């Protein structure tokens, strides 16, 4: 069965969704155990992505830490555990 181009998913999209789902599960387990996750495990970078930055995340603790990710966190950073603050 062939999908039309409007409904076809790219391999990249499937991988991104899978990684985000995995990261969400890891974050949930780690925070339930009171542990922080290594930056590399959540693909943390010090530059925001698509307008999403740590300073806009529910998990960010000013001036430079996170409730779930270990180490120094840049307010302009980003990781797959990003959860937007409610407005």
Protein backbone atom coordinates (compact mmCIF):
# COMPACT_ATOMS: atom_id res chain seq x y z
CA UNK A 1 0.00 0.00 0.00
CA UNK A 2 1.44 3.34 -1.01
CA UNK A 3 0.70 6.50 0.97
CA UNK A 4 0.19 9.80 -0.79
CA UNK A 5 2.72 12.54 -0.14
CA UNK A 6 0.42 14.36 2.31
CA UNK A 7 0.27 11.43 4.71
CA UNK A 8 3.75 10.04 4.24
CA UNK A 9 6.04 10.31 7.26
CA UNK A 10 9.74 10.81 6.82
CA UNK A 11 12.20 8.59 8.60
CA UNK A 12 13.58 11.71 10.31
CA UNK A 13 10.14 12.63 11.71
CA UNK A 14 9.61 9.12 13.04
CA UNK A 15 13.04 9.12 14.71
CA UNK A 16 12.46 12.57 16.27
CA UNK A 17 9.08 11.55 17.66
CA UNK A 18 10.55 8.30 18.97
CA UNK A 19 13.44 10.08 20.69
CA UNK A 20 11.13 12.67 22.23
CA UNK A 21 8.86 9.91 23.52
CA UNK A 22 11.82 8.02 24.95
CA UNK A 23 13.20 11.16 26.61
CA UNK A 24 9.81 11.90 28.16
CA UNK A 25 9.74 8.42 29.68
CA UNK A 26 13.31 8.74 30.97
CA UNK A 27 12.54 12.15 32.48
CA UNK A 28 9.46 10.77 34.20
CA UNK A 29 11.32 7.81 35.72
CA UNK A 30 14.32 9.91 36.80
CA UNK A 31 12.23 12.63 38.41
CA UNK A 32 10.12 10.04 40.20
CA UNK A 33 13.34 8.66 41.68
CA UNK A 34 14.67 12.14 42.49
CA UNK A 35 17.57 11.78 40.04
CA UNK A 36 18.74 14.17 37.35
CA UNK A 37 19.52 13.09 33.81
CA UNK A 38 22.83 13.64 32.01
CA UNK A 39 22.74 16.44 29.44
CA UNK A 40 23.84 14.05 26.70
CA UNK A 41 20.87 11.75 27.39
CA UNK A 42 18.39 14.51 26.54
CA UNK A 43 20.47 15.98 23.69
CA UNK A 44 20.99 19.28 25.54
CA UNK A 45 22.48 22.13 23.50
CA UNK A 46 23.29 25.68 24.60
CA UNK A 47 21.40 27.25 21.68
CA UNK A 48 17.60 27.32 21.48
CA UNK A 49 15.80 25.40 18.79
CA UNK A 50 12.74 26.57 16.87
CA UNK A 51 12.08 29.33 19.41
CA UNK A 52 12.02 26.89 22.32
CA UNK A 53 14.53 27.80 25.04
CA UNK A 54 15.14 26.50 28.54
CA UNK A 55 13.96 29.80 30.04
CA UNK A 56 10.51 29.01 28.57
CA UNK A 57 10.48 25.47 30.00
CA UNK A 58 8.53 24.31 33.03
CA UNK A 59 11.62 22.46 34.32
CA UNK A 60 14.03 25.45 34.18
CA UNK A 61 15.22 26.94 37.49
CA UNK A 62 16.71 30.43 37.11
CA UNK A 63 19.45 31.46 36.81
CA UNK A 64 21.01 28.30 35.36
CA UNK A 65 19.74 24.90 36.42
CA UNK A 66 16.98 22.41 35.66
CA UNK A 67 14.71 20.22 37.78
CA UNK A 68 15.46 17.14 35.66
CA UNK A 69 18.72 17.74 33.74
CA UNK A 70 22.07 17.68 35.54
CA UNK A 71 24.69 20.41 35.30
CA UNK A 72 24.75 24.09 34.40
CA UNK A 73 21.90 25.00 32.04
CA UNK A 74 21.84 28.04 29.76
CA UNK A 75 18.54 29.98 29.72
CA UNK A 76 18.94 29.99 25.91
CA UNK A 77 19.58 26.22 25.74
CA UNK A 78 17.29 23.41 24.61
CA UNK A 79 16.77 19.66 25.10
CA UNK A 80 14.18 17.06 24.14
CA UNK A 81 12.72 17.18 27.67
CA UNK A 82 11.39 20.69 26.88
CA UNK A 83 7.95 21.26 28.40
CA UNK A 84 6.53 24.74 27.73
CA UNK A 85 5.32 26.82 30.67
CA UNK A 86 1.59 27.44 30.54
CA UNK A 87 0.72 31.00 29.61
